[in-house]
């Protein structure tokens, strides 16, 4: 599943940026594709982030006319 791979890549990136801190919020932009909706992205991301410091983060997903998924902002616990 293409969507699973995308979510795993985003998770790996977020974890590397968090440097051991708990992640509170993530803003993500996804391309306008029929097979990847904001709800589907959120559901898959919650599955792949289970038992990580990203697990409880709020995920804000927006659809944009872009070619690839982008992480816009990562909010970390102090």
Foldseek 3Di string as FASTA:
>chain_A
DVLLVQLLVVVVVLCVVQVPFQWAEWEKEAEPDPVDDPVNSVVSNLVNCPPHSDNNHHYHYHYDNDDGMDTDDIDTDD
